[in-house]
């Protein structure tokens, strides 16, 4: 169906589409403060309207920390003992 033939503007069609399909992002969610968005940041912007995402540097830092944690765990479990 062509909603523009029914008199809907492009903005109204986009708003309806976002509502029906879901925004797929926490940005703009009711009752969620913008200062809490960082907890939900992902590798890429989420949804059609999402703008937040983790930087390349943050991925490198997380991978380094994760590797150190795994290595420390392996050493504690004598995984590398001869």
PDB file of N, CA and C in Angstrom:
ATOM      1  N   UNK A   1       0.845  -1.174   0.000  1.00  0.00           N
ATOM      2  CA  UNK A   1       0.000   0.000   0.000  1.00  0.00           C
ATOM      3  C   UNK A   1       0.890   1.236   0.000  1.00  0.00           C
ATOM      4  N   UNK A   2       0.540   2.219  -0.750  1.00  0.00           N
ATOM      5  CA  UNK A   2       1.275   3.471  -0.790  1.00  0.00           C
ATOM      6  C   UNK A   2       0.652   4.459   0.184  1.00  0.00           C
ATOM      7  N   UNK A   3       1.317   4.637   1.315  1.00  0.00           N
ATOM      8  CA  UNK A   3       0.781   5.532   2.332  1.00  0.00           C
ATOM      9  C   UNK A   3       0.799   6.980   1.867  1.00  0.00           C
ATOM     10  N   UNK A   4       1.723   7.314   0.966  1.00  0.00           N
ATOM     11  CA  UNK A   4       1.741   8.692   0.474  1.00  0.00           C
ATOM     12  C   UNK A   4       0.459   9.000  -0.305  1.00  0.00           C
ATOM     13  N   UNK A   5      -0.143   8.009  -0.933  1.00  0.00           N
ATOM     14  CA  UNK A   5      -1.428   8.200  -1.625  1.00  0.00           C
ATOM     15  C   UNK A   5      -2.556   8.461  -0.635  1.00  0.00           C
ATOM     16  N   UNK A   6      -2.374   8.016   0.591  1.00  0.00           N
ATOM     17  CA  UNK A   6      -3.379   8.244   1.626  1.00  0.00           C
ATOM     18  C   UNK A   6      -3.187   9.583   2.341  1.00  0.00           C
ATOM     19  N   UNK A   7      -2.173  10.333   1.912  1.00  0.00           N
ATOM     20  CA  UNK A   7      -1.953  11.652   2.487  1.00  0.00           C
ATOM     21  C   UNK A   7      -0.891  11.728   3.562  1.00  0.00           C
ATOM     22  N   UNK A   8      -0.177  10.636   3.801  1.00  0.00           N
ATOM     23  CA  UNK A   8       0.884  10.645   4.812  1.00  0.00           C
ATOM     24  C   UNK A   8       2.139  11.283   4.226  1.00  0.00           C
ATOM     25  N   UNK A   9       2.817  12.077   5.051  1.00  0.00           N
ATOM     26  CA  UNK A   9       4.092  12.662   4.636  1.00  0.00           C
ATOM     27  C   UNK A   9       5.194  11.616   4.765  1.00  0.00           C
ATOM     28  N   UNK A  10       6.331  11.879   4.158  1.00  0.00           N
ATOM     29  CA  UNK A  10       7.475  10.974   4.262  1.00  0.00           C
ATOM     30  C   UNK A  10       7.878  10.797   5.726  1.00  0.00           C
ATOM     31  N   UNK A  11       7.868  11.878   6.487  1.00  0.00           N
ATOM     32  CA  UNK A  11       8.234  11.813   7.912  1.00  0.00           C
ATOM     33  C   UNK A  11       7.251  10.948   8.690  1.00  0.00           C
ATOM     34  N   UNK A  12       5.972  11.072   8.380  1.00  0.00           N
ATOM     35  CA  UNK A  12       4.957  10.257   9.066  1.00  0.00           C
ATOM     36  C   UNK A  12       5.102   8.784   8.706  1.00  0.00           C
ATOM     37  N   UNK A  13       5.434   8.518   7.456  1.00  0.00           N
ATOM     38  CA  UNK A  13       5.644   7.127   7.024  1.00  0.00           C
ATOM     39  C   UNK A  13       6.861   6.547   7.737  1.00  0.00           C
ATOM     40  N   UNK A  14       7.942   7.319   7.811  1.00  0.00           N
ATOM     41  CA  UNK A  14       9.160   6.850   8.487  1.00  0.00           C
ATOM     42  C   UNK A  14       8.910   6.622   9.976  1.00  0.00           C
ATOM     43  N   UNK A  15       8.141   7.522  10.601  1.00  0.00           N
ATOM     44  CA  UNK A  15       7.830   7.365  12.027  1.00  0.00           C
ATOM     45  C   UNK A  15       6.998   6.110  12.253  1.00  0.00           C
ATOM     46  N   UNK A  16       6.027   5.868  11.390  1.00  0.00           N
ATOM     47  CA  UNK A  16       5.203   4.666  11.517  1.00  0.00           C
ATOM     48  C   UNK A  16       6.044   3.408  11.314  1.00  0.00           C
ATOM     49  N   UNK A  17       6.926   3.446  10.344  1.00  0.00           N
ATOM     50  CA  UNK A  17       7.789   2.296  10.076  1.00  0.00           C
ATOM     51  C   UNK A  17       8.691   2.005  11.269  1.00  0.00           C
ATOM     52  N   UNK A  18       9.254   3.040  11.856  1.00  0.00           N
ATOM     53  CA  UNK A  18      10.099   2.852  13.038  1.00  0.00           C
ATOM     54  C   UNK A  18       9.304   2.271  14.190  1.00  0.00           C
ATOM     55  N   UNK A  19       8.085   2.739  14.363  1.00  0.00           N
ATOM     56  CA  UNK A  19       7.244   2.230  15.452  1.00  0.00           C
ATOM     57  C   UNK A  19       6.879   0.767  15.212  1.00  0.00           C
ATOM     58  N   UNK A  20       6.447   0.445  14.009  1.00  0.00           N
ATOM     59  CA  UNK A  20       5.996  -0.920  13.705  1.00  0.00           C
ATOM     60  C   UNK A  20       7.170  -1.894  13.719  1.00  0.00           C
ATOM     61  N   UNK A  21       8.254  -1.522  13.095  1.00  0.00           N
ATOM     62  CA  UNK A  21       9.413  -2.425  12.986  1.00  0.00           C
ATOM     63  C   UNK A  21      10.313  -2.355  14.209  1.00  0.00           C
ATOM     64  N   UNK A  22      10.153  -1.327  14.982  1.00  0.00           N
ATOM     65  CA  UNK A  22      10.997  -1.153  16.164  1.00  0.00           C
ATOM     66  C   UNK A  22      12.223  -0.333  15.830  1.00  0.00           C
ATOM     67  N   UNK A  23      12.616   0.468  16.738  1.00  0.00           N
ATOM     68  CA  UNK A  23      13.770   1.335  16.522  1.00  0.00           C
ATOM     69  C   UNK A  23      15.076   0.555  16.552  1.00  0.00           C
ATOM     70  N   UNK A  24      15.089  -0.586  17.231  1.00  0.00           N
ATOM     71  CA  UNK A  24      16.281  -1.426  17.361  1.00  0.00           C
ATOM     72  C   UNK A  24      17.469  -0.671  17.948  1.00  0.00           C
ATOM     73  N   UNK A  25      17.177   0.293  18.793  1.00  0.00           N
ATOM     74  CA  UNK A  25      18.213   1.027  19.503  1.00  0.00           C
ATOM     75  C   UNK A  25      17.640   1.522  20.824  1.00  0.00           C
ATOM     76  N   UNK A  26      18.513   1.718  21.805  1.00  0.00           N
ATOM     77  CA  UNK A  26      18.052   2.252  23.083  1.00  0.00           C
ATOM     78  C   UNK A  26      17.990   3.771  23.054  1.00  0.00           C
ATOM     79  N   UNK A  27      18.624   4.359  22.062  1.00  0.00           N
ATOM     80  CA  UNK A  27      18.635   5.817  21.972  1.00  0.00           C
ATOM     81  C   UNK A  27      17.206   6.339  21.830  1.00  0.00           C
ATOM     82  N   UNK A  28      16.857   7.251  22.713  1.00  0.00           N
ATOM     83  CA  UNK A  28      15.523   7.820  22.682  1.00  0.00           C
ATOM     84  C   UNK A  28      14.472   6.994  23.400  1.00  0.00           C
ATOM     85  N   UNK A  29      14.889   5.880  24.002  1.00  0.00           N
ATOM     86  CA  UNK A  29      13.927   5.034  24.712  1.00  0.00           C
ATOM     87  C   UNK A  29      13.372   5.774  25.921  1.00  0.00           C
ATOM     88  N   UNK A  30      12.072   5.626  26.153  1.00  0.00           N
ATOM     89  CA  UNK A  30      11.500   6.301  27.314  1.00  0.00           C
ATOM     90  C   UNK A  30      12.101   5.765  28.615  1.00  0.00           C
ATOM     91  N   UNK A  31      12.267   6.649  29.555  1.00  0.00           N
ATOM     92  CA  UNK A  31      12.743   6.314  30.901  1.00  0.00           C
ATOM     93  C   UNK A  31      14.223   5.927  30.954  1.00  0.00           C
ATOM     94  N   UNK A  32      14.954   6.059  29.848  1.00  0.00           N
ATOM     95  CA  UNK A  32      16.385   5.760  29.853  1.00  0.00           C
ATOM     96  C   UNK A  32      17.149   7.065  29.668  1.00  0.00           C
ATOM     97  N   UNK A  33      18.009   7.368  30.611  1.00  0.00           N
ATOM     98  CA  UNK A  33      18.756   8.625  30.566  1.00  0.00           C
ATOM     99  C   UNK A  33      19.918   8.506  29.575  1.00  0.00           C
ATOM    100  N   UNK A  34      20.166   9.554  28.792  1.00  0.00           N
ATOM    101  CA  UNK A  34      21.274   9.522  27.832  1.00  0.00           C
ATOM    102  C   UNK A  34      22.624   9.173  28.461  1.00  0.00           C
ATOM    103  N   UNK A  35      22.829   9.543  29.729  1.00  0.00           N
ATOM    104  CA  UNK A  35      24.118   9.220  30.362  1.00  0.00           C
ATOM    105  C   UNK A  35      24.273   7.721  30.613  1.00  0.00           C
ATOM    106  N   UNK A  36      23.204   6.951  30.452  1.00  0.00           N
ATOM    107  CA  UNK A  36      23.270   5.500  30.624  1.00  0.00           C
ATOM    108  C   UNK A  36      23.446   4.757  29.299  1.00  0.00           C
ATOM    109  N   UNK A  37      23.407   5.469  28.182  1.00  0.00           N
ATOM    110  CA  UNK A  37      23.509   4.830  26.866  1.00  0.00           C
ATOM    111  C   UNK A  37      24.804   4.043  26.686  1.00  0.00           C
ATOM    112  N   UNK A  38      25.901   4.527  27.255  1.00  0.00           N
ATOM    113  CA  UNK A  38      27.209   3.904  27.021  1.00  0.00           C
ATOM    114  C   UNK A  38      27.231   2.428  27.391  1.00  0.00           C
ATOM    115  N   UNK A  39      26.444   2.028  28.367  1.00  0.00           N
ATOM    116  CA  UNK A  39      26.391   0.625  28.792  1.00  0.00           C
ATOM    117  C   UNK A  39      25.906  -0.269  27.644  1.00  0.00           C
ATOM    118  N   UNK A  40      25.113   0.283  26.755  1.00  0.00           N
ATOM    119  CA  UNK A  40      24.511  -0.492  25.679  1.00  0.00           C
ATOM    120  C   UNK A  40      25.240  -0.360  24.348  1.00  0.00           C
ATOM    121  N   UNK A  41      26.328   0.409  24.292  1.00  0.00           N
ATOM    122  CA  UNK A  41      27.037   0.613  23.032  1.00  0.00           C
ATOM    123  C   UNK A  41      27.536  -0.709  22.458  1.00  0.00           C
ATOM    124  N   UNK A  42      27.492  -0.816  21.143  1.00  0.00           N
ATOM    125  CA  UNK A  42      27.866  -2.036  20.421  1.00  0.00           C
ATOM    126  C   UNK A  42      28.941  -1.718  19.395  1.00  0.00           C
ATOM    127  N   UNK A  43      29.313  -2.708  18.594  1.00  0.00           N
ATOM    128  CA  UNK A  43      30.355  -2.541  17.593  1.00  0.00           C
ATOM    129  C   UNK A  43      29.936  -1.600  16.472  1.00  0.00           C
ATOM    130  N   UNK A  44      28.665  -1.502  16.204  1.00  0.00           N
ATOM    131  CA  UNK A  44      28.179  -0.589  15.172  1.00  0.00           C
ATOM    132  C   UNK A  44      26.890   0.059  15.660  1.00  0.00           C
ATOM    133  N   UNK A  45      26.530   1.141  15.016  1.00  0.00           N
ATOM    134  CA  UNK A  45      25.292   1.827  15.393  1.00  0.00           C
ATOM    135  C   UNK A  45      24.118   0.875  15.173  1.00  0.00           C
ATOM    136  N   UNK A  46      23.203   0.832  16.118  1.00  0.00           N
ATOM    137  CA  UNK A  46      22.079  -0.102  16.054  1.00  0.00           C
ATOM    138  C   UNK A  46      20.836   0.565  15.489  1.00  0.00           C
ATOM    139  N   UNK A  47      20.113  -0.191  14.703  1.00  0.00           N
ATOM    140  CA  UNK A  47      18.846   0.281  14.177  1.00  0.00           C
ATOM    141  C   UNK A  47      19.001   1.371  13.142  1.00  0.00           C
ATOM    142  N   UNK A  48      17.854   1.881  12.714  1.00  0.00           N
ATOM    143  CA  UNK A  48      17.840   2.910  11.678  1.00  0.00           C
ATOM    144  C   UNK A  48      18.245   4.266  12.204  1.00  0.00           C
ATOM    145  N   UNK A  49      18.037   4.505  13.484  1.00  0.00           N
ATOM    146  CA  UNK A  49      18.285   5.837  14.026  1.00  0.00           C
ATOM    147  C   UNK A  49      19.436   5.879  15.027  1.00  0.00           C
ATOM    148  N   UNK A  50      20.071   4.752  15.289  1.00  0.00           N
ATOM    149  CA  UNK A  50      21.161   4.723  16.263  1.00  0.00           C
ATOM    150  C   UNK A  50      22.397   5.433  15.754  1.00  0.00           C
ATOM    151  N   UNK A  51      23.061   6.139  16.632  1.00  0.00           N
ATOM    152  CA  UNK A  51      24.273   6.871  16.256  1.00  0.00           C
ATOM    153  C   UNK A  51      25.473   6.480  17.103  1.00  0.00           C
ATOM    154  N   UNK A  52      25.242   5.772  18.201  1.00  0.00           N
ATOM    155  CA  UNK A  52      26.327   5.454  19.131  1.00  0.00           C
ATOM    156  C   UNK A  52      26.953   4.108  18.786  1.00  0.00           C
ATOM    157  N   UNK A  53      28.258   3.998  18.961  1.00  0.00           N
ATOM    158  CA  UNK A  53      28.945   2.726  18.806  1.00  0.00           C
ATOM    159  C   UNK A  53      30.324   2.835  19.444  1.00  0.00           C
ATOM    160  N   UNK A  54      30.920   1.684  19.713  1.00  0.00           N
ATOM    161  CA  UNK A  54      32.248   1.646  20.332  1.00  0.00           C
ATOM    162  C   UNK A  54      33.317   2.016  19.309  1.00  0.00           C
ATOM    163  N   UNK A  55      34.361   2.668  19.775  1.00  0.00           N
ATOM    164  CA  UNK A  55      35.475   3.025  18.896  1.00  0.00           C
ATOM    165  C   UNK A  55      36.371   1.814  18.641  1.00  0.00           C
ATOM    166  N   UNK A  56      37.179   1.902  17.610  1.00  0.00           N
ATOM    167  CA  UNK A  56      38.135   0.840  17.308  1.00  0.00           C
ATOM    168  C   UNK A  56      39.081   0.641  18.491  1.00  0.00           C
ATOM    169  N   UNK A  57      39.523   1.747  19.089  1.00  0.00           N
ATOM    170  CA  UNK A  57      40.446   1.670  20.213  1.00  0.00           C
ATOM    171  C   UNK A  57      39.840   0.904  21.391  1.00  0.00           C
ATOM    172  N   UNK A  58      38.553   1.094  21.625  1.00  0.00           N
ATOM    173  CA  UNK A  58      37.924   0.396  22.747  1.00  0.00           C
ATOM    174  C   UNK A  58      37.892  -1.106  22.501  1.00  0.00           C
ATOM    175  N   UNK A  59      37.701  -1.523  21.252  1.00  0.00           N
ATOM    176  CA  UNK A  59      37.738  -2.954  20.935  1.00  0.00           C
ATOM    177  C   UNK A  59      39.126  -3.537  21.186  1.00  0.00           C
ATOM    178  N   UNK A  60      40.153  -2.808  20.790  1.00  0.00           N
ATOM    179  CA  UNK A  60      41.530  -3.273  20.996  1.00  0.00           C
ATOM    180  C   UNK A  60      41.826  -3.406  22.488  1.00  0.00           C
ATOM    181  N   UNK A  61      41.410  -2.410  23.279  1.00  0.00           N
ATOM    182  CA  UNK A  61      41.639  -2.463  24.725  1.00  0.00           C
ATOM    183  C   UNK A  61      40.888  -3.634  25.357  1.00  0.00           C
ATOM    184  N   UNK A  62      39.634  -3.845  24.936  1.00  0.00           N
ATOM    185  CA  UNK A  62      38.856  -4.956  25.508  1.00  0.00           C
ATOM    186  C   UNK A  62      39.475  -6.292  25.142  1.00  0.00           C
ATOM    187  N   UNK A  63      39.912  -6.450  23.889  1.00  0.00           N
ATOM    188  CA  UNK A  63      40.523  -7.714  23.479  1.00  0.00           C
ATOM    189  C   UNK A  63      41.805  -7.978  24.256  1.00  0.00           C
ATOM    190  N   UNK A  64      42.603  -6.932  24.480  1.00  0.00           N
ATOM    191  CA  UNK A  64      43.820  -7.092  25.266  1.00  0.00           C
ATOM    192  C   UNK A  64      43.527  -7.501  26.697  1.00  0.00           C
ATOM    193  N   UNK A  65      42.528  -6.882  27.284  1.00  0.00           N
ATOM    194  CA  UNK A  65      42.158  -7.235  28.664  1.00  0.00           C
ATOM    195  C   UNK A  65      41.596  -8.647  28.742  1.00  0.00           C
ATOM    196  N   UNK A  66      40.789  -9.006  27.745  1.00  0.00           N
ATOM    197  CA  UNK A  66      40.212 -10.355  27.727  1.00  0.00           C
ATOM    198  C   UNK A  66      41.317 -11.395  27.571  1.00  0.00           C
ATOM    199  N   UNK A  67      42.289 -11.124  26.712  1.00  0.00           N
ATOM    200  CA  UNK A  67      43.396 -12.061  26.527  1.00  0.00           C
ATOM    201  C   UNK A  67      44.194 -12.201  27.815  1.00  0.00           C
ATOM    202  N   UNK A  68      44.419 -11.087  28.496  1.00  0.00           N
ATOM    203  CA  UNK A  68      45.169 -11.139  29.757  1.00  0.00           C
ATOM    204  C   UNK A  68      44.399 -11.938  30.805  1.00  0.00           C
ATOM    205  N   UNK A  69      43.102 -11.763  30.861  1.00  0.00           N
ATOM    206  CA  UNK A  69      42.297 -12.526  31.819  1.00  0.00           C
ATOM    207  C   UNK A  69      42.349 -14.016  31.522  1.00  0.00           C
ATOM    208  N   UNK A  70      42.230 -14.372  30.236  1.00  0.00           N
ATOM    209  CA  UNK A  70      42.286 -15.787  29.867  1.00  0.00           C
ATOM    210  C   UNK A  70      43.665 -16.372  30.149  1.00  0.00           C
ATOM    211  N   UNK A  71      44.704 -15.627  29.839  1.00  0.00           N
ATOM    212  CA  UNK A  71      46.057 -16.114  30.090  1.00  0.00           C
ATOM    213  C   UNK A  71      46.280 -16.299  31.587  1.00  0.00           C
ATOM    214  N   UNK A  72      45.826 -15.327  32.379  1.00  0.00           N
ATOM    215  CA  UNK A  72      45.967 -15.447  33.827  1.00  0.00           C
ATOM    216  C   UNK A  72      45.225 -16.658  34.365  1.00  0.00           C
ATOM    217  N   UNK A  73      44.043 -16.906  33.845  1.00  0.00           N
ATOM    218  CA  UNK A  73      43.256 -18.065  34.268  1.00  0.00           C
ATOM    219  C   UNK A  73      43.966 -19.357  33.889  1.00  0.00           C
ATOM    220  N   UNK A  74      44.502 -19.385  32.662  1.00  0.00           N
ATOM    221  CA  UNK A  74      45.216 -20.582  32.213  1.00  0.00           C
ATOM    222  C   UNK A  74      46.455 -20.837  33.064  1.00  0.00           C
ATOM    223  N   UNK A  75      47.178 -19.769  33.436  1.00  0.00           N
ATOM    224  CA  UNK A  75      48.368 -19.930  34.263  1.00  0.00           C
ATOM    225  C   UNK A  75      47.997 -20.439  35.654  1.00  0.00           C
ATOM    226  N   UNK A  76      46.885 -19.951  36.197  1.00  0.00           N
ATOM    227  CA  UNK A  76      46.451 -20.408  37.515  1.00  0.00           C
ATOM    228  C   UNK A  76      46.060 -21.884  37.480  1.00  0.00           C
ATOM    229  N   UNK A  77      45.548 -22.326  36.355  1.00  0.00           N
ATOM    230  CA  UNK A  77      45.138 -23.722  36.208  1.00  0.00           C
ATOM    231  C   UNK A  77      46.261 -24.608  35.679  1.00  0.00           C
ATOM    232  N   UNK A  78      47.477 -24.068  35.663  1.00  0.00           N
ATOM    233  CA  UNK A  78      48.670 -24.807  35.210  1.00  0.00           C
ATOM    234  C   UNK A  78      48.543 -25.320  33.774  1.00  0.00           C
ATOM    235  N   UNK A  79      47.857 -24.573  32.948  1.00  0.00           N
ATOM    236  CA  UNK A  79      47.705 -24.976  31.555  1.00  0.00           C
ATOM    237  C   UNK A  79      49.031 -24.958  30.806  1.00  0.00           C
ATOM    238  N   UNK A  80      49.951 -24.095  31.261  1.00  0.00           N
ATOM    239  CA  UNK A  80      51.217 -23.961  30.542  1.00  0.00           C
ATOM    240  C   UNK A  80      52.387 -24.548  31.325  1.00  0.00           C
ATOM    241  N   UNK A  81      52.102 -25.273  32.390  1.00  0.00           N
ATOM    242  CA  UNK A  81      53.166 -25.882  33.190  1.00  0.00           C
ATOM    243  C   UNK A  81      53.774 -27.049  32.421  1.00  0.00           C
ATOM    244  N   UNK A  82      55.091 -27.204  32.556  1.00  0.00           N
ATOM    245  CA  UNK A  82      55.768 -28.316  31.864  1.00  0.00           C
ATOM    246  C   UNK A  82      56.059 -29.431  32.817  1.00  0.00           C
TER     247      UNK A  82
END
